[in-house]
Amino acid sequence: MAKKASIIPIERIQKCIYMFRGQKVMLDKDLAGLYGVTTKRLNEQVQRNIGRFPADFMFQLNDEETKVLRSQIATSKKGRGGRRYNPYVFTEQGVVILSSVLRSKRAVEVNIAIMRTFVQLRRILADNALLRRKIEAMERKYDEKFQLVFEVLGHMVKVDKKPKKPFGFHSKKTKKR
């Protein structure tokens, strides 16, 4: 069975994933853009169904986190046409619940694309962890064998402290009369 092309490129979704409080999250503004609704509409639906969004599914950024976010993505400051409140962020589980709250065909399609992105990111992280463990094992294994090589190389590049005697033909300097 052929896999249907995603409605949104995975690369676009990956750019919308941030780390806050040790969790991968997506901003309400980015999710609203992906779902094709306004941020206000998305947050209204969330508030109407707040029971579906416990603290580990969705939380609001505090002032310090919002300041960090502004410096990362260059959003406008409060009172200058930007947001007047701190954004909400959604964990992977919160994103799953969003598709049931928004109830549109696009929401379901976007949700599938986002879930595939999260799965791909987990796979990449797992592969990197495995690669790191393999490299560390190789370093331990070969450190002893290469220790002699490193010692020889160290002696080769070692600078002598006493000056060497010049060799070759040197003319005598004549004194001026």
C-alpha atoms as a PDB file:
ATOM      1  CA  MET A   1       0.000   0.000   0.000  1.00  0.00           C
ATOM      2  CA  ALA A   2       1.549   3.310  -1.075  1.00  0.00           C
ATOM      3  CA  LYS A   3       1.866   6.022   1.530  1.00  0.00           C
ATOM      4  CA  LYS A   4      -0.082   9.187   0.646  1.00  0.00           C
ATOM      5  CA  ALA A   5       2.000  12.355   0.397  1.00  0.00           C
ATOM      6  CA  SER A   6       1.712  14.572   3.463  1.00  0.00           C
ATOM      7  CA  ILE A   7      -0.426  17.699   3.262  1.00  0.00           C
ATOM      8  CA  ILE A   8       2.432  19.657   4.916  1.00  0.00           C
ATOM      9  CA  PRO A   9       6.157  19.026   4.423  1.00  0.00           C
ATOM     10  CA  ILE A  10       7.834  17.464   7.466  1.00  0.00           C
ATOM     11  CA  GLU A  11      10.566  20.118   7.318  1.00  0.00           C
ATOM     12  CA  ARG A  12       7.981  22.863   7.871  1.00  0.00           C
ATOM     13  CA  ILE A  13       6.581  21.065  10.897  1.00  0.00           C
ATOM     14  CA  GLN A  14      10.057  20.416  12.324  1.00  0.00           C
ATOM     15  CA  LYS A  15      10.732  24.173  12.309  1.00  0.00           C
ATOM     16  CA  CYS A  16       7.658  24.647  14.527  1.00  0.00           C
ATOM     17  CA  ILE A  17       8.859  22.328  17.291  1.00  0.00           C
ATOM     18  CA  TYR A  18      10.547  23.927  20.315  1.00  0.00           C
ATOM     19  CA  MET A  19      11.897  22.664  23.626  1.00  0.00           C
ATOM     20  CA  PHE A  20      10.330  24.109  26.784  1.00  0.00           C
ATOM     21  CA  ARG A  21      10.368  22.593  30.242  1.00  0.00           C
ATOM     22  CA  GLY A  22      12.172  19.560  28.881  1.00  0.00           C
ATOM     23  CA  GLN A  23       9.432  18.744  26.369  1.00  0.00           C
ATOM     24  CA  LYS A  24       9.044  19.086  22.633  1.00  0.00           C
ATOM     25  CA  VAL A  25       6.138  21.467  22.066  1.00  0.00           C
ATOM     26  CA  MET A  26       4.421  23.452  19.339  1.00  0.00           C
ATOM     27  CA  LEU A  27       3.119  27.012  19.660  1.00  0.00           C
ATOM     28  CA  ASP A  28      -0.581  27.788  19.386  1.00  0.00           C
ATOM     29  CA  LYS A  29       0.207  30.305  16.629  1.00  0.00           C
ATOM     30  CA  ASP A  30       2.104  27.732  14.534  1.00  0.00           C
ATOM     31  CA  LEU A  31      -0.550  25.066  15.016  1.00  0.00           C
ATOM     32  CA  ALA A  32      -3.296  27.510  14.046  1.00  0.00           C
ATOM     33  CA  GLY A  33      -1.398  28.284  10.833  1.00  0.00           C
ATOM     34  CA  LEU A  34      -0.986  24.602  10.038  1.00  0.00           C
ATOM     35  CA  TYR A  35      -4.664  23.857  10.760  1.00  0.00           C
ATOM     36  CA  GLY A  36      -5.804  26.860   8.699  1.00  0.00           C
ATOM     37  CA  VAL A  37      -7.568  28.680  11.548  1.00  0.00           C
ATOM     38  CA  THR A  38      -6.766  31.829  13.497  1.00  0.00           C
ATOM     39  CA  THR A  39      -4.878  31.578  16.783  1.00  0.00           C
ATOM     40  CA  LYS A  40      -7.898  33.119  18.497  1.00  0.00           C
ATOM     41  CA  ARG A  41     -10.205  30.405  17.112  1.00  0.00           C
ATOM     42  CA  LEU A  42      -7.807  27.622  18.115  1.00  0.00           C
ATOM     43  CA  ASN A  43      -7.524  28.955  21.667  1.00  0.00           C
ATOM     44  CA  GLU A  44     -11.314  29.414  21.902  1.00  0.00           C
ATOM     45  CA  GLN A  45     -11.837  25.756  21.023  1.00  0.00           C
ATOM     46  CA  VAL A  46      -9.211  24.730  23.558  1.00  0.00           C
ATOM     47  CA  GLN A  47     -10.884  26.805  26.296  1.00  0.00           C
ATOM     48  CA  ARG A  48     -14.285  25.297  25.449  1.00  0.00           C
ATOM     49  CA  ASN A  49     -12.755  21.835  25.846  1.00  0.00           C
ATOM     50  CA  ILE A  50     -10.221  22.618  28.588  1.00  0.00           C
ATOM     51  CA  GLY A  51     -10.936  19.297  30.349  1.00  0.00           C
ATOM     52  CA  ARG A  52      -9.227  17.485  27.466  1.00  0.00           C
ATOM     53  CA  PHE A  53      -5.975  19.411  27.998  1.00  0.00           C
ATOM     54  CA  PRO A  54      -4.260  18.564  31.274  1.00  0.00           C
ATOM     55  CA  ALA A  55      -1.012  20.353  32.193  1.00  0.00           C
ATOM     56  CA  ASP A  56       1.146  17.684  30.549  1.00  0.00           C
ATOM     57  CA  PHE A  57      -0.703  18.165  27.220  1.00  0.00           C
ATOM     58  CA  MET A  58      -0.772  21.969  27.118  1.00  0.00           C
ATOM     59  CA  PHE A  59       0.604  24.845  29.167  1.00  0.00           C
ATOM     60  CA  GLN A  60       1.051  28.584  28.878  1.00  0.00           C
ATOM     61  CA  LEU A  61       4.582  29.954  28.693  1.00  0.00           C
ATOM     62  CA  ASN A  62       5.668  32.225  31.539  1.00  0.00           C
ATOM     63  CA  ASP A  63       7.143  35.704  30.962  1.00  0.00           C
ATOM     64  CA  GLU A  64      10.764  34.492  30.942  1.00  0.00           C
ATOM     65  CA  GLU A  65      10.019  31.679  28.461  1.00  0.00           C
ATOM     66  CA  THR A  66       8.114  34.121  26.250  1.00  0.00           C
ATOM     67  CA  LYS A  67      11.104  36.466  26.297  1.00  0.00           C
ATOM     68  CA  VAL A  68      13.372  33.598  25.187  1.00  0.00           C
ATOM     69  CA  LEU A  69      10.903  32.717  22.467  1.00  0.00           C
ATOM     70  CA  ARG A  70      10.775  36.305  21.228  1.00  0.00           C
ATOM     71  CA  SER A  71      14.542  36.397  20.929  1.00  0.00           C
ATOM     72  CA  GLN A  72      14.504  33.099  18.989  1.00  0.00           C
ATOM     73  CA  ILE A  73      11.823  33.950  16.451  1.00  0.00           C
ATOM     74  CA  ALA A  74      11.869  37.760  16.543  1.00  0.00           C
ATOM     75  CA  THR A  75       8.245  38.420  17.443  1.00  0.00           C
ATOM     76  CA  SER A  76       7.022  41.851  18.418  1.00  0.00           C
ATOM     77  CA  LYS A  77       6.916  43.047  22.017  1.00  0.00           C
ATOM     78  CA  LYS A  78       3.743  43.477  24.042  1.00  0.00           C
ATOM     79  CA  GLY A  79       1.927  46.723  23.234  1.00  0.00           C
ATOM     80  CA  ARG A  80       3.449  47.030  19.757  1.00  0.00           C
ATOM     81  CA  GLY A  81       0.840  45.168  17.777  1.00  0.00           C
ATOM     82  CA  GLY A  82       1.948  41.740  18.951  1.00  0.00           C
ATOM     83  CA  ARG A  83       0.375  39.311  21.363  1.00  0.00           C
ATOM     84  CA  ARG A  84      -0.980  40.661  24.601  1.00  0.00           C
ATOM     85  CA  TYR A  85      -0.667  37.373  26.473  1.00  0.00           C
ATOM     86  CA  ASN A  86       1.868  34.585  26.657  1.00  0.00           C
ATOM     87  CA  PRO A  87       1.368  31.828  24.084  1.00  0.00           C
ATOM     88  CA  TYR A  88       0.072  28.365  24.815  1.00  0.00           C
ATOM     89  CA  VAL A  89       2.188  25.402  23.785  1.00  0.00           C
ATOM     90  CA  PHE A  90       1.048  21.866  23.095  1.00  0.00           C
ATOM     91  CA  THR A  91       2.950  18.632  23.650  1.00  0.00           C
ATOM     92  CA  GLU A  92       2.607  15.753  21.224  1.00  0.00           C
ATOM     93  CA  GLN A  93      -0.382  14.434  23.183  1.00  0.00           C
ATOM     94  CA  GLY A  94      -1.994  17.875  23.166  1.00  0.00           C
ATOM     95  CA  VAL A  95      -1.656  18.029  19.399  1.00  0.00           C
ATOM     96  CA  VAL A  96      -3.500  14.715  19.121  1.00  0.00           C
ATOM     97  CA  ILE A  97      -6.391  16.118  21.152  1.00  0.00           C
ATOM     98  CA  LEU A  98      -6.486  19.290  19.012  1.00  0.00           C
ATOM     99  CA  SER A  99      -7.616  17.376  15.938  1.00  0.00           C
ATOM    100  CA  SER A 100     -10.658  16.071  17.818  1.00  0.00           C
ATOM    101  CA  VAL A 101     -11.459  19.554  19.125  1.00  0.00           C
ATOM    102  CA  LEU A 102     -11.184  21.283  15.748  1.00  0.00           C
ATOM    103  CA  ARG A 103     -13.148  18.535  13.905  1.00  0.00           C
ATOM    104  CA  SER A 104     -12.244  19.270  10.314  1.00  0.00           C
ATOM    105  CA  LYS A 105     -10.806  17.109   7.551  1.00  0.00           C
ATOM    106  CA  ARG A 106      -7.771  19.388   7.357  1.00  0.00           C
ATOM    107  CA  ALA A 107      -7.219  19.093  11.124  1.00  0.00           C
ATOM    108  CA  VAL A 108      -7.067  15.309  10.821  1.00  0.00           C
ATOM    109  CA  GLU A 109      -4.669  15.444   7.837  1.00  0.00           C
ATOM    110  CA  VAL A 110      -2.413  17.999   9.531  1.00  0.00           C
ATOM    111  CA  ASN A 111      -2.484  15.970  12.725  1.00  0.00           C
ATOM    112  CA  ILE A 112      -1.282  12.869  10.862  1.00  0.00           C
ATOM    113  CA  ALA A 113       1.573  14.881   9.340  1.00  0.00           C
ATOM    114  CA  ILE A 114       2.559  16.246  12.766  1.00  0.00           C
ATOM    115  CA  MET A 115       2.493  12.764  14.335  1.00  0.00           C
ATOM    116  CA  ARG A 116       4.727  11.437  11.551  1.00  0.00           C
ATOM    117  CA  THR A 117       7.151  14.291  12.230  1.00  0.00           C
ATOM    118  CA  PHE A 118       7.297  13.518  15.951  1.00  0.00           C
ATOM    119  CA  VAL A 119       7.900   9.838  15.167  1.00  0.00           C
ATOM    120  CA  GLN A 120      10.687  10.756  12.740  1.00  0.00           C
ATOM    121  CA  LEU A 121      12.317  13.022  15.334  1.00  0.00           C
ATOM    122  CA  ARG A 122      12.221  10.220  17.924  1.00  0.00           C
ATOM    123  CA  ARG A 123      13.786   7.850  15.407  1.00  0.00           C
ATOM    124  CA  ILE A 124      16.567  10.351  14.628  1.00  0.00           C
ATOM    125  CA  LEU A 125      17.279  10.885  18.340  1.00  0.00           C
ATOM    126  CA  ALA A 126      17.364   7.122  18.944  1.00  0.00           C
ATOM    127  CA  ASP A 127      19.737   6.627  16.000  1.00  0.00           C
ATOM    128  CA  ASN A 128      22.012   9.400  17.291  1.00  0.00           C
ATOM    129  CA  ALA A 129      22.073   7.890  20.779  1.00  0.00           C
ATOM    130  CA  LEU A 130      22.957   4.490  19.318  1.00  0.00           C
ATOM    131  CA  LEU A 131      25.705   6.028  17.171  1.00  0.00           C
ATOM    132  CA  ARG A 132      27.125   7.897  20.178  1.00  0.00           C
ATOM    133  CA  ARG A 133      27.239   4.676  22.245  1.00  0.00           C
ATOM    134  CA  LYS A 134      29.012   2.849  19.392  1.00  0.00           C
ATOM    135  CA  ILE A 135      31.624   5.613  19.067  1.00  0.00           C
ATOM    136  CA  GLU A 136      32.248   5.615  22.818  1.00  0.00           C
ATOM    137  CA  ALA A 137      32.691   1.815  22.769  1.00  0.00           C
ATOM    138  CA  MET A 138      35.167   2.109  19.907  1.00  0.00           C
ATOM    139  CA  GLU A 139      37.088   4.826  21.739  1.00  0.00           C
ATOM    140  CA  ARG A 140      37.417   2.595  24.822  1.00  0.00           C
ATOM    141  CA  LYS A 141      38.416  -0.393  22.694  1.00  0.00           C
ATOM    142  CA  TYR A 142      41.015   1.399  20.615  1.00  0.00           C
ATOM    143  CA  ASP A 143      42.364   3.841  23.192  1.00  0.00           C
ATOM    144  CA  GLU A 144      44.806   1.239  24.494  1.00  0.00           C
ATOM    145  CA  LYS A 145      45.955   0.231  20.997  1.00  0.00           C
ATOM    146  CA  PHE A 146      46.443   3.793  19.852  1.00  0.00           C
ATOM    147  CA  GLN A 147      48.104   4.961  23.054  1.00  0.00           C
ATOM    148  CA  LEU A 148      51.516   3.856  21.696  1.00  0.00           C
ATOM    149  CA  VAL A 149      50.843   5.717  18.426  1.00  0.00           C
ATOM    150  CA  PHE A 150      49.956   8.872  20.338  1.00  0.00           C
ATOM    151  CA  GLU A 151      53.146   8.587  22.422  1.00  0.00           C
ATOM    152  CA  VAL A 152      55.325   8.251  19.304  1.00  0.00           C
ATOM    153  CA  LEU A 153      53.552  11.187  17.664  1.00  0.00           C
ATOM    154  CA  GLY A 154      54.073  13.188  20.838  1.00  0.00           C
ATOM    155  CA  HIS A 155      57.817  12.527  20.751  1.00  0.00           C
ATOM    156  CA  MET A 156      57.969  13.491  17.073  1.00  0.00           C
ATOM    157  CA  VAL A 157      56.406  16.893  17.596  1.00  0.00           C
ATOM    158  CA  LYS A 158      58.149  17.566  20.899  1.00  0.00           C
ATOM    159  CA  VAL A 159      60.266  20.721  20.825  1.00  0.00           C
ATOM    160  CA  ASP A 160      63.855  20.411  22.089  1.00  0.00           C
ATOM    161  CA  LYS A 161      64.693  22.810  24.887  1.00  0.00           C
ATOM    162  CA  LYS A 162      68.411  23.134  24.118  1.00  0.00           C
ATOM    163  CA  PRO A 163      69.375  24.872  20.878  1.00  0.00           C
ATOM    164  CA  LYS A 164      71.042  22.760  18.240  1.00  0.00           C
ATOM    165  CA  LYS A 165      74.495  23.609  16.908  1.00  0.00           C
ATOM    166  CA  PRO A 166      74.346  25.155  13.471  1.00  0.00           C
ATOM    167  CA  PHE A 167      75.787  23.040  10.687  1.00  0.00           C
ATOM    168  CA  GLY A 168      76.898  23.805   7.184  1.00  0.00           C
ATOM    169  CA  PHE A 169      79.244  26.537   5.860  1.00  0.00           C
ATOM    170  CA  HIS A 170      79.231  29.811   7.739  1.00  0.00           C
ATOM    171  CA  SER A 171      81.418  32.769   6.760  1.00  0.00           C
ATOM    172  CA  LYS A 172      83.403  34.653   9.357  1.00  0.00           C
ATOM    173  CA  LYS A 173      82.311  38.191   9.924  1.00  0.00           C
ATOM    174  CA  THR A 174      84.972  40.699   9.086  1.00  0.00           C
ATOM    175  CA  LYS A 175      85.634  43.616  11.392  1.00  0.00           C
ATOM    176  CA  LYS A 176      85.546  47.105   9.986  1.00  0.00           C
ATOM    177  CA  ARG A 177      88.891  48.850   9.961  1.00  0.00           C
END
